[in-house]
Amino acid sequence: MANAPSARTVAELKKMPYQPCSVKDELRRNVIAALRTGKPLFPGIVGYRETVIPEIVNGILSRHDMLFLGLRGQAKTRLLRMLPDLLDPWIPVLAQCEIPDDPLDPHLASGKKIIAEQGDNAAIEWVHRSNRYHEKLATPDVTIADLIGEIDLVRHAQGRYLSDESTMHFGLIPRCNRGIFAMNELPDLAPKIQVGLFNVLEERDVQIRGYPIRLDLDLCMVFSANPEDYTNRGRIVTPLKDRIGTVVRTHYPHSIGEAIKITQDNAWLERDSGVKVTVPLYMHEILEEFVRLARQSPHINQASGVSVRCSITNTENLVSSAERRGIVHGENRVTARTDDLPFIHASCRGKIELMLAEGESAEDKLVTSLIGEAVKLVFSRHGDMDAFDDICQQFKGGLTLQVGDEVSTATMLENYAHIKGLKAAAARMAGKLGMAADDSASLVSAGEFILEGLYVNNRLSKVNMPGKTFFRK
């Protein structure tokens, strides 16, 4: 963080090239500068470059208050928290004001009074842009006092009139003057609190308990909401919708590649246990196909959505399963494989909402089914089913092959030796999957992918036991 400018009085500030500017004009100016220089806006956000980000930019250029409308895990809050990066690094404020006010163009009575009394000798402070963003989660217990303010009875008892703004204890919104105020999950606010936002959005003033106190606020207001709450349930009053200038629709990743990039950027993949865990690309594909299928399943409440966090936590549990195996067997390097997939049940619970579920096992059964469908889809991209007929034939004689998340890499390779041609097929599959065919861990992972692919295509059967899995005909 660069140091704040050195000016400490209004007189010193006037010698600088600083010019008063509203928050929305400031955002607009900085966005225009970024567009002209090609500087990336909202870096690290994947999949929104052609859709969501242009709508946000247009809203800023229009000087609108904005609402981000989307399902769980669509980066709404992350986008909100990146908006302060579009503000100036530092701005000056009057040092003695309870509410931040511009030293050269004060809008509040307290600021005007300071300038009238002290003139160019009035002290100023510098506020960094990170301190100009305030966020509130909308909950049913939020009150007008929290957001707007309340009469301070102690100040009133000191002899001040109720019509004097200095009699008031201000809430979050006035204290965010000259900044950005974000309200997460707007429809969860009680209707009477939503009504209290009308004047703030339209006229940029506030009323506290009906007293005619006008605060000429300078701020940008942004909100987030779930589409179901915002459009169907009537949980947001219509006049409030009308006062929000731009509504930006977010979405889940449009491609598997984008989804994988988001997961890799956000999941905890590099561990400190001394075990190096590799997650092959095909395993990432399976996890993302699983989430994509969940978002299309008629058994899952799509109004709630299936969050990107589901992909992230599933990947972390997959890594943990492989990491645990490496720790137990003293392996310094392990590769995730399909027998690690059952452990994503635990990270899926609570992240998918069934439409009509009876019994505690309904969710787990659905997850198992979706995992199988995901494996089938990914296997169809990389494997030719007819190429494994010789392997399937060997199981007809009653042969059983043991694998499992608790079986070491060395033991798995020994077990593969009992199936003629399995190691060679695994080596070829590893090459197709972009894995090293001469690496034991990669060879085992590719071989088990073949076996699982044969199972989901009904060429083999499978018996699951704790820590062990048996493939047979």
Protein backbone atom coordinates (compact mmCIF):
# COMPACT_ATOMS: atom_id res chain seq x y z
CA MET A 1 0.00 0.00 0.00
CA ALA A 2 1.44 3.36 -1.05
CA ASN A 3 1.77 6.02 1.62
CA ALA A 4 -0.96 8.64 1.99
CA PRO A 5 -0.33 12.15 0.63
CA SER A 6 1.36 14.51 3.06
CA ALA A 7 -1.22 17.33 3.16
CA ARG A 8 -2.74 17.76 6.64
CA THR A 9 -4.80 20.95 6.33
CA VAL A 10 -7.25 22.36 3.82
CA ALA A 11 -4.65 24.98 2.83
CA GLU A 12 -2.11 22.26 1.96
CA LEU A 13 -4.79 20.28 0.12
CA LYS A 14 -5.57 23.27 -2.10
CA LYS A 15 -1.97 23.23 -3.33
CA MET A 16 -2.45 19.68 -4.61
CA PRO A 17 -4.15 18.76 -7.91
CA TYR A 18 -7.06 17.26 -5.97
CA GLN A 19 -10.56 18.11 -7.21
CA PRO A 20 -13.82 17.19 -5.43
CA CYS A 21 -15.59 14.30 -7.13
CA SER A 22 -18.60 12.15 -6.27
CA VAL A 23 -18.08 8.44 -5.63
CA LYS A 24 -19.92 7.41 -8.79
CA ASP A 25 -17.97 9.89 -10.92
CA GLU A 26 -14.78 8.60 -9.33
CA LEU A 27 -15.68 5.00 -10.21
CA ARG A 28 -16.65 6.09 -13.72
CA ARG A 29 -13.37 7.99 -14.24
CA ASN A 30 -11.22 5.07 -13.11
CA VAL A 31 -13.15 2.54 -15.20
CA ILE A 32 -12.76 4.74 -18.28
CA ALA A 33 -9.01 4.95 -17.62
CA ALA A 34 -8.79 1.17 -17.26
CA LEU A 35 -10.72 0.59 -20.49
CA ARG A 36 -8.46 2.95 -22.41
CA THR A 37 -5.25 1.34 -21.16
CA GLY A 38 -6.52 -2.24 -21.38
CA LYS A 39 -6.05 -2.82 -17.66
CA PRO A 40 -8.04 -5.92 -16.62
CA LEU A 41 -11.10 -5.26 -14.51
CA PHE A 42 -11.97 -7.76 -11.77
CA PRO A 43 -8.81 -9.87 -12.21
CA GLY A 44 -9.14 -13.50 -11.14
CA ILE A 45 -12.84 -13.73 -12.02
CA VAL A 46 -13.22 -16.58 -14.52
CA GLY A 47 -16.02 -16.97 -17.06
CA TYR A 48 -17.53 -13.49 -16.74
CA ARG A 49 -15.34 -11.61 -19.23
CA GLU A 50 -17.95 -11.60 -21.99
CA THR A 51 -21.12 -11.62 -19.91
CA VAL A 52 -21.22 -10.24 -16.36
CA ILE A 53 -18.29 -7.83 -16.33
CA PRO A 54 -19.52 -5.75 -19.32
CA GLU A 55 -22.87 -5.30 -17.54
CA ILE A 56 -21.10 -4.13 -14.38
CA VAL A 57 -18.95 -1.73 -16.40
CA ASN A 58 -22.04 -0.31 -18.11
CA GLY A 59 -23.73 0.16 -14.73
CA ILE A 60 -20.71 2.07 -13.43
CA LEU A 61 -20.52 4.20 -16.58
CA SER A 62 -24.22 4.99 -16.10
CA ARG A 63 -23.56 5.93 -12.44
CA HIS A 64 -26.16 3.43 -11.28
CA ASP A 65 -26.70 1.65 -8.01
CA MET A 66 -26.44 -2.06 -8.86
CA LEU A 67 -27.81 -5.40 -7.78
CA PHE A 68 -26.05 -8.69 -8.49
CA LEU A 69 -28.69 -11.35 -9.06
CA GLY A 70 -27.61 -14.98 -8.98
CA LEU A 71 -27.65 -18.36 -7.27
CA ARG A 72 -25.32 -19.55 -4.55
CA GLY A 73 -21.63 -19.65 -5.36
CA GLN A 74 -21.69 -17.35 -8.39
CA ALA A 75 -19.07 -14.91 -7.06
CA LYS A 76 -21.60 -12.17 -6.19
CA THR A 77 -19.94 -11.25 -2.90
CA ARG A 78 -16.48 -11.52 -4.42
CA LEU A 79 -17.47 -9.06 -7.14
CA LEU A 80 -18.92 -6.68 -4.56
CA ARG A 81 -15.69 -6.76 -2.56
CA MET A 82 -13.63 -6.00 -5.67
CA LEU A 83 -15.51 -2.76 -6.41
CA PRO A 84 -13.30 -0.68 -4.02
CA ASP A 85 -10.33 -1.50 -6.28
CA LEU A 86 -11.92 0.88 -8.79
CA LEU A 87 -11.78 3.80 -6.34
CA ASP A 88 -8.88 6.26 -5.98
CA PRO A 89 -6.16 4.94 -3.65
CA TRP A 90 -6.60 7.82 -1.15
CA ILE A 91 -9.14 10.60 -0.60
CA PRO A 92 -9.09 13.47 1.94
CA VAL A 93 -11.79 13.91 4.58
CA LEU A 94 -12.34 16.47 7.32
CA ALA A 95 -10.65 15.14 10.45
CA GLN A 96 -13.26 16.31 12.97
CA CYS A 97 -16.36 15.00 11.17
CA GLU A 98 -18.22 11.94 12.46
CA ILE A 99 -19.26 11.21 8.88
CA PRO A 100 -16.59 11.43 6.14
CA ASP A 101 -16.96 14.72 4.26
CA ASP A 102 -15.03 16.40 1.47
CA PRO A 103 -12.80 19.22 2.77
CA LEU A 104 -13.19 21.32 -0.39
CA ASP A 105 -16.88 20.60 -1.00
CA PRO A 106 -18.56 19.61 2.29
CA HIS A 107 -22.12 18.33 1.93
CA LEU A 108 -23.03 17.89 5.60
CA ALA A 109 -23.91 20.56 8.13
CA SER A 110 -21.09 19.48 10.44
CA GLY A 111 -18.54 19.74 7.64
CA LYS A 112 -19.80 23.14 6.50
CA LYS A 113 -19.62 24.38 10.07
CA ILE A 114 -15.99 23.29 10.44
CA ILE A 115 -14.99 25.03 7.22
CA ALA A 116 -16.93 28.17 8.19
CA GLU A 117 -15.17 28.34 11.58
CA GLN A 118 -11.65 27.15 10.71
CA GLY A 119 -11.32 27.83 6.99
CA ASP A 120 -8.02 26.74 5.45
CA ASN A 121 -6.70 25.69 8.88
CA ALA A 122 -9.20 22.83 9.17
CA ALA A 123 -7.44 19.52 9.67
CA ILE A 124 -7.82 16.72 7.15
CA GLU A 125 -7.16 12.99 7.13
CA TRP A 126 -6.57 10.55 4.27
CA VAL A 127 -8.74 7.46 3.87
CA HIS A 128 -7.57 4.46 1.88
CA ARG A 129 -10.01 2.88 -0.57
CA SER A 130 -10.05 -0.35 1.42
CA ASN A 131 -11.74 1.58 4.24
CA ARG A 132 -14.39 3.06 1.95
CA TYR A 133 -16.29 -0.19 1.49
CA HIS A 134 -18.78 -1.41 4.08
CA GLU A 135 -20.86 -4.56 3.82
CA LYS A 136 -23.90 -5.76 5.72
CA LEU A 137 -25.61 -9.13 5.54
CA ALA A 138 -29.36 -8.64 5.44
CA THR A 139 -31.01 -10.58 8.25
CA PRO A 140 -34.53 -10.30 9.67
CA ASP A 141 -33.20 -8.62 12.83
CA VAL A 142 -31.62 -5.67 10.98
CA THR A 143 -33.21 -2.40 12.09
CA ILE A 144 -33.47 1.13 10.74
CA ALA A 145 -31.14 2.17 13.54
CA ASP A 146 -28.48 -0.24 12.22
CA LEU A 147 -28.66 1.11 8.69
CA ILE A 148 -29.80 4.73 8.98
CA GLY A 149 -29.43 5.78 12.61
CA GLU A 150 -31.25 6.66 15.81
CA ILE A 151 -31.75 9.60 18.14
CA ASP A 152 -28.96 9.80 20.71
CA LEU A 153 -30.87 10.60 23.92
CA VAL A 154 -27.70 11.61 25.73
CA ARG A 155 -26.95 14.29 23.15
CA HIS A 156 -30.59 15.40 23.25
CA ALA A 157 -30.39 15.70 27.04
CA GLN A 158 -27.42 18.01 26.62
CA GLY A 159 -29.79 20.58 25.12
CA ARG A 160 -29.55 19.90 21.39
CA TYR A 161 -32.67 20.05 19.24
CA LEU A 162 -34.00 16.88 17.68
CA SER A 163 -33.88 18.58 14.29
CA ASP A 164 -30.11 19.00 14.67
CA GLU A 165 -28.13 16.24 12.95
CA SER A 166 -25.61 16.30 15.81
CA THR A 167 -28.37 14.83 18.01
CA MET A 168 -28.30 11.65 15.97
CA HIS A 169 -26.27 8.46 16.23
CA PHE A 170 -25.76 7.48 12.62
CA GLY A 171 -25.96 3.96 11.22
CA LEU A 172 -23.87 2.16 8.64
CA ILE A 173 -25.14 3.94 5.53
CA PRO A 174 -24.39 7.54 6.61
CA ARG A 175 -21.00 6.42 7.98
CA CYS A 176 -20.24 5.04 4.52
CA ASN A 177 -20.51 8.51 2.99
CA ARG A 178 -17.97 8.96 0.17
CA GLY A 179 -17.73 5.20 -0.24
CA ILE A 180 -19.52 2.03 -1.34
CA PHE A 181 -22.19 0.35 0.77
CA ALA A 182 -23.06 -3.27 -0.01
CA MET A 183 -26.10 -5.17 1.25
CA ASN A 184 -25.89 -8.94 0.83
CA GLU A 185 -29.13 -10.92 0.32
CA LEU A 186 -31.35 -7.84 0.03
CA PRO A 187 -34.72 -9.72 0.00
CA ASP A 188 -34.07 -10.97 3.54
CA LEU A 189 -34.60 -7.43 4.84
CA ALA A 190 -37.99 -6.81 6.46
CA PRO A 191 -40.30 -4.76 4.18
CA LYS A 192 -40.29 -1.73 6.49
CA ILE A 193 -36.47 -1.69 6.35
CA GLN A 194 -36.59 -1.88 2.56
CA VAL A 195 -38.89 1.14 2.59
CA GLY A 196 -36.26 2.96 4.65
CA LEU A 197 -33.87 2.61 1.71
CA PHE A 198 -36.15 4.48 -0.71
CA ASN A 199 -34.88 7.98 -0.02
CA VAL A 200 -31.29 6.84 0.27
CA LEU A 201 -31.42 5.35 -3.22
CA GLU A 202 -33.41 8.09 -4.92
CA GLU A 203 -32.69 11.39 -3.16
CA ARG A 204 -29.58 10.35 -1.21
CA ASP A 205 -31.01 11.66 2.05
CA VAL A 206 -32.22 10.00 5.24
CA GLN A 207 -34.97 10.51 7.79
CA ILE A 208 -34.61 9.37 11.37
CA ARG A 209 -37.85 8.91 13.28
CA GLY A 210 -39.55 11.36 10.92
CA TYR A 211 -37.41 14.36 11.81
CA PRO A 212 -36.57 16.55 8.81
CA ILE A 213 -32.82 16.00 8.90
CA ARG A 214 -31.30 15.99 5.45
CA LEU A 215 -27.96 14.34 4.94
CA ASP A 216 -26.77 14.93 1.40
CA LEU A 217 -25.03 11.59 1.13
CA ASP A 218 -22.48 10.73 -1.54
CA LEU A 219 -22.24 6.98 -1.91
CA CYS A 220 -22.70 4.08 -4.31
CA MET A 221 -25.07 1.36 -3.12
CA VAL A 222 -24.78 -2.23 -4.35
CA PHE A 223 -26.79 -5.31 -3.43
CA SER A 224 -26.91 -9.06 -3.98
CA ALA A 225 -29.96 -11.32 -4.15
CA ASN A 226 -31.12 -14.80 -5.13
CA PRO A 227 -33.37 -14.80 -8.24
CA GLU A 228 -36.09 -16.81 -6.51
CA ASP A 229 -36.31 -14.36 -3.63
CA TYR A 230 -36.06 -11.34 -5.89
CA THR A 231 -38.55 -12.24 -8.60
CA ASN A 232 -41.05 -14.85 -7.41
CA ARG A 233 -41.70 -14.77 -3.70
CA GLY A 234 -42.53 -11.10 -3.45
CA ARG A 235 -39.97 -10.66 -0.71
CA ILE A 236 -38.77 -7.35 -2.06
CA VAL A 237 -41.07 -4.38 -2.42
CA THR A 238 -41.57 -3.19 -6.00
CA PRO A 239 -40.65 0.50 -5.48
CA LEU A 240 -37.25 -0.58 -4.20
CA LYS A 241 -36.65 -2.61 -7.36
CA ASP A 242 -37.54 0.44 -9.41
CA ARG A 243 -34.88 2.55 -7.69
CA ILE A 244 -31.99 0.17 -8.46
CA GLY A 245 -30.46 1.29 -11.74
CA THR A 246 -28.76 -1.88 -13.03
CA VAL A 247 -29.45 -5.52 -12.23
CA VAL A 248 -26.57 -7.80 -13.23
CA ARG A 249 -27.31 -11.49 -13.78
CA THR A 250 -24.52 -13.83 -12.70
CA HIS A 251 -24.24 -17.46 -13.78
CA TYR A 252 -22.36 -20.70 -13.25
CA PRO A 253 -19.39 -21.54 -15.53
CA HIS A 254 -20.42 -22.15 -19.13
CA SER A 255 -17.70 -24.72 -19.82
CA ILE A 256 -15.91 -27.51 -17.96
CA GLY A 257 -12.60 -25.75 -18.61
CA GLU A 258 -13.78 -22.57 -16.86
CA ALA A 259 -15.15 -24.61 -13.95
CA ILE A 260 -11.84 -26.46 -13.54
CA LYS A 261 -9.91 -23.18 -13.58
CA ILE A 262 -12.14 -21.73 -10.85
CA THR A 263 -11.72 -24.84 -8.71
CA GLN A 264 -7.95 -24.98 -9.16
CA ASP A 265 -7.67 -21.29 -8.26
CA ASN A 266 -9.73 -21.62 -5.08
CA ALA A 267 -9.29 -25.15 -3.72
CA TRP A 268 -6.55 -26.00 -1.20
CA LEU A 269 -4.46 -28.37 -3.28
CA GLU A 270 -0.92 -27.81 -2.00
CA ARG A 271 -0.68 -29.57 1.36
CA ASP A 272 1.95 -29.41 4.11
CA SER A 273 2.00 -33.09 5.13
CA GLY A 274 5.01 -34.03 3.02
CA VAL A 275 2.80 -35.98 0.60
CA LYS A 276 2.61 -34.54 -2.91
CA VAL A 277 -0.90 -35.13 -4.27
CA THR A 278 -1.53 -34.93 -8.00
CA VAL A 279 -5.08 -34.53 -9.28
CA PRO A 280 -5.16 -35.62 -12.94
CA LEU A 281 -7.17 -33.54 -15.35
CA TYR A 282 -9.65 -36.37 -15.92
CA MET A 283 -10.47 -36.40 -12.19
CA HIS A 284 -11.15 -32.66 -12.34
CA GLU A 285 -13.42 -33.36 -15.31
CA ILE A 286 -15.35 -35.98 -13.34
CA LEU A 287 -15.87 -33.61 -10.42
CA GLU A 288 -17.07 -30.79 -12.66
CA GLU A 289 -19.32 -33.10 -14.68
CA PHE A 290 -20.82 -34.26 -11.39
CA VAL A 291 -21.72 -30.67 -10.46
CA ARG A 292 -22.99 -29.92 -13.97
CA LEU A 293 -25.27 -32.98 -13.84
CA ALA A 294 -26.46 -31.92 -10.38
CA ARG A 295 -27.45 -28.53 -11.81
CA GLN A 296 -29.61 -30.32 -14.37
CA SER A 297 -31.10 -32.99 -12.11
CA PRO A 298 -34.88 -32.84 -11.61
CA HIS A 299 -34.33 -34.31 -8.13
CA ILE A 300 -32.41 -31.22 -6.97
CA ASN A 301 -33.95 -27.83 -6.17
CA GLN A 302 -32.53 -25.73 -8.99
CA ALA A 303 -33.96 -22.53 -7.51
CA SER A 304 -31.40 -22.96 -4.76
CA GLY A 305 -28.63 -23.95 -7.14
CA VAL A 306 -25.50 -26.05 -6.73
CA SER A 307 -22.71 -23.77 -5.61
CA VAL A 308 -19.22 -23.59 -7.08
CA ARG A 309 -18.17 -24.22 -3.50
CA CYS A 310 -19.43 -27.78 -4.01
CA SER A 311 -16.74 -28.32 -6.66
CA ILE A 312 -14.11 -26.71 -4.44
CA THR A 313 -14.86 -28.75 -1.30
CA ASN A 314 -15.25 -31.95 -3.34
CA THR A 315 -11.80 -31.44 -4.83
CA GLU A 316 -10.34 -30.78 -1.38
CA ASN A 317 -11.88 -33.98 0.00
CA LEU A 318 -10.59 -35.92 -3.01
CA VAL A 319 -7.09 -34.60 -2.31
CA SER A 320 -7.46 -35.42 1.38
CA SER A 321 -8.40 -39.02 0.61
CA ALA A 322 -5.29 -39.43 -1.57
CA GLU A 323 -3.18 -37.58 1.01
CA ARG A 324 -4.37 -39.89 3.80
CA ARG A 325 -3.45 -42.93 1.72
CA GLY A 326 0.02 -41.53 1.13
CA ILE A 327 0.53 -40.80 4.84
CA VAL A 328 -0.61 -44.28 5.92
CA HIS A 329 1.59 -46.11 3.40
CA GLY A 330 4.58 -43.80 3.62
CA GLU A 331 4.31 -42.63 0.02
CA ASN A 332 5.78 -39.21 -0.75
CA ARG A 333 3.82 -38.84 -3.97
CA VAL A 334 0.31 -40.07 -4.76
CA THR A 335 -2.19 -39.54 -7.55
CA ALA A 336 -5.93 -39.17 -6.97
CA ARG A 337 -8.01 -41.99 -8.45
CA THR A 338 -11.63 -42.97 -8.80
CA ASP A 339 -11.77 -44.87 -5.50
CA ASP A 340 -11.30 -41.49 -3.79
CA LEU A 341 -14.60 -40.28 -5.24
CA PRO A 342 -16.93 -41.75 -2.55
CA PHE A 343 -15.49 -39.27 -0.06
CA ILE A 344 -17.12 -36.34 -1.85
CA HIS A 345 -20.43 -37.42 -0.28
CA ALA A 346 -19.42 -35.63 2.91
CA SER A 347 -18.59 -32.38 1.10
CA CYS A 348 -21.81 -32.50 -0.94
CA ARG A 349 -24.12 -32.69 2.06
CA GLY A 350 -25.83 -29.38 2.64
CA LYS A 351 -24.79 -28.07 -0.77
CA ILE A 352 -27.58 -29.75 -2.70
CA GLU A 353 -31.24 -29.53 -1.76
CA LEU A 354 -33.45 -32.40 -2.88
CA MET A 355 -36.94 -31.69 -4.16
CA LEU A 356 -38.70 -34.68 -2.57
CA ALA A 357 -36.36 -36.61 -0.32
CA GLU A 358 -37.47 -39.33 2.05
CA GLY A 359 -34.97 -40.96 4.34
CA GLU A 360 -31.48 -39.88 5.27
CA SER A 361 -29.87 -41.96 2.50
CA ALA A 362 -31.71 -40.29 -0.41
CA GLU A 363 -29.07 -37.59 -0.81
CA ASP A 364 -26.19 -40.09 -0.72
CA LYS A 365 -27.90 -42.34 -3.25
CA LEU A 366 -28.37 -39.42 -5.61
CA VAL A 367 -24.72 -38.36 -5.21
CA THR A 368 -23.57 -41.93 -5.97
CA SER A 369 -25.75 -42.02 -9.07
CA LEU A 370 -24.45 -38.66 -10.30
CA ILE A 371 -20.83 -39.73 -9.72
CA GLY A 372 -21.45 -42.79 -11.89
CA GLU A 373 -22.96 -40.69 -14.66
CA ALA A 374 -20.05 -38.25 -14.49
CA VAL A 375 -17.50 -41.08 -14.76
CA LYS A 376 -19.43 -42.52 -17.71
CA LEU A 377 -19.39 -39.20 -19.56
CA VAL A 378 -15.69 -38.56 -19.00
CA PHE A 379 -14.77 -42.16 -19.87
CA SER A 380 -16.64 -41.87 -23.17
CA ARG A 381 -14.36 -38.97 -24.14
CA HIS A 382 -11.10 -40.80 -23.46
CA GLY A 383 -11.74 -44.53 -23.80
CA ASP A 384 -12.96 -46.90 -26.51
CA MET A 385 -15.12 -49.54 -24.84
CA ASP A 386 -14.36 -52.19 -27.47
CA ALA A 387 -10.64 -51.91 -26.74
CA PHE A 388 -11.13 -53.50 -23.33
CA ASP A 389 -13.04 -56.64 -24.34
CA ASP A 390 -10.08 -58.89 -23.55
CA ILE A 391 -9.90 -57.47 -20.02
CA CYS A 392 -13.62 -58.03 -19.46
CA GLN A 393 -13.39 -61.63 -20.71
CA GLN A 394 -10.89 -62.52 -17.99
CA PHE A 395 -13.44 -61.72 -15.28
CA LYS A 396 -15.93 -64.26 -16.67
CA GLY A 397 -13.99 -67.11 -15.12
CA GLY A 398 -14.74 -65.85 -11.61
CA LEU A 399 -11.69 -63.59 -11.33
CA THR A 400 -11.92 -60.84 -8.69
CA LEU A 401 -9.65 -57.78 -8.54
CA GLN A 402 -9.17 -55.84 -5.33
CA VAL A 403 -8.62 -52.07 -5.41
CA GLY A 404 -9.64 -49.34 -2.94
CA ASP A 405 -8.72 -46.03 -1.37
CA GLU A 406 -6.71 -47.76 1.38
CA VAL A 407 -4.68 -49.94 -1.02
CA SER A 408 -1.14 -48.70 -1.69
CA THR A 409 0.20 -47.95 -5.15
CA ALA A 410 2.62 -50.93 -5.01
CA THR A 411 -0.13 -53.37 -4.02
CA MET A 412 -2.40 -52.04 -6.74
CA LEU A 413 0.28 -52.67 -9.35
CA GLU A 414 0.75 -56.22 -8.04
CA ASN A 415 -2.98 -56.81 -8.31
CA TYR A 416 -3.02 -55.42 -11.86
CA ALA A 417 -0.50 -58.10 -12.83
CA HIS A 418 -3.23 -60.73 -12.39
CA ILE A 419 -5.19 -59.19 -15.29
CA LYS A 420 -3.46 -59.80 -18.60
CA GLY A 421 -3.13 -56.63 -20.60
CA LEU A 422 -4.38 -54.29 -17.84
CA LYS A 423 -1.01 -52.63 -17.25
CA ALA A 424 -0.52 -52.07 -20.96
CA ALA A 425 -4.03 -50.67 -21.31
CA ALA A 426 -3.42 -48.43 -18.29
CA ALA A 427 -0.20 -47.14 -19.86
CA ARG A 428 -2.02 -46.27 -23.08
CA MET A 429 -4.83 -44.60 -21.14
CA ALA A 430 -2.32 -42.62 -19.08
CA GLY A 431 -0.83 -41.28 -22.30
CA LYS A 432 -4.27 -40.23 -23.57
CA LEU A 433 -4.96 -38.49 -20.25
CA GLY A 434 -1.70 -36.53 -20.35
CA MET A 435 -0.12 -38.56 -17.53
CA ALA A 436 3.30 -40.19 -17.41
CA ALA A 437 2.87 -43.82 -18.48
CA ASP A 438 6.07 -44.84 -16.66
CA ASP A 439 4.93 -43.39 -13.32
CA SER A 440 3.48 -45.99 -10.93
CA ALA A 441 0.93 -43.68 -9.29
CA SER A 442 -0.29 -42.41 -12.69
CA LEU A 443 -0.45 -45.95 -14.04
CA VAL A 444 -2.59 -47.10 -11.11
CA SER A 445 -4.89 -44.08 -11.45
CA ALA A 446 -5.37 -44.68 -15.18
CA GLY A 447 -5.94 -48.42 -14.65
CA GLU A 448 -8.62 -47.82 -12.07
CA PHE A 449 -10.27 -45.29 -14.39
CA ILE A 450 -10.54 -48.10 -16.95
CA LEU A 451 -12.07 -50.49 -14.42
CA GLU A 452 -14.53 -47.85 -13.19
CA GLY A 453 -15.41 -47.00 -16.77
CA LEU A 454 -16.18 -50.65 -17.49
CA TYR A 455 -18.31 -50.80 -14.36
CA VAL A 456 -20.45 -47.75 -15.14
CA ASN A 457 -20.99 -49.16 -18.65
CA ASN A 458 -22.21 -52.46 -17.17
CA ARG A 459 -19.24 -54.50 -18.40
CA LEU A 460 -18.12 -55.33 -14.84
CA SER A 461 -19.77 -55.47 -11.42
CA LYS A 462 -18.40 -54.01 -8.22
CA VAL A 463 -18.64 -54.74 -4.50
CA ASN A 464 -17.76 -51.93 -2.10
CA MET A 465 -16.40 -52.54 1.38
CA PRO A 466 -14.81 -50.07 3.82
CA GLY A 467 -11.46 -49.13 2.28
CA LYS A 468 -11.66 -51.88 -0.37
CA THR A 469 -13.44 -52.44 -3.66
CA PHE A 470 -13.71 -55.68 -5.63
CA PHE A 471 -14.30 -55.73 -9.37
CA ARG A 472 -15.72 -58.92 -10.89
CA LYS A 473 -18.02 -60.04 -13.67
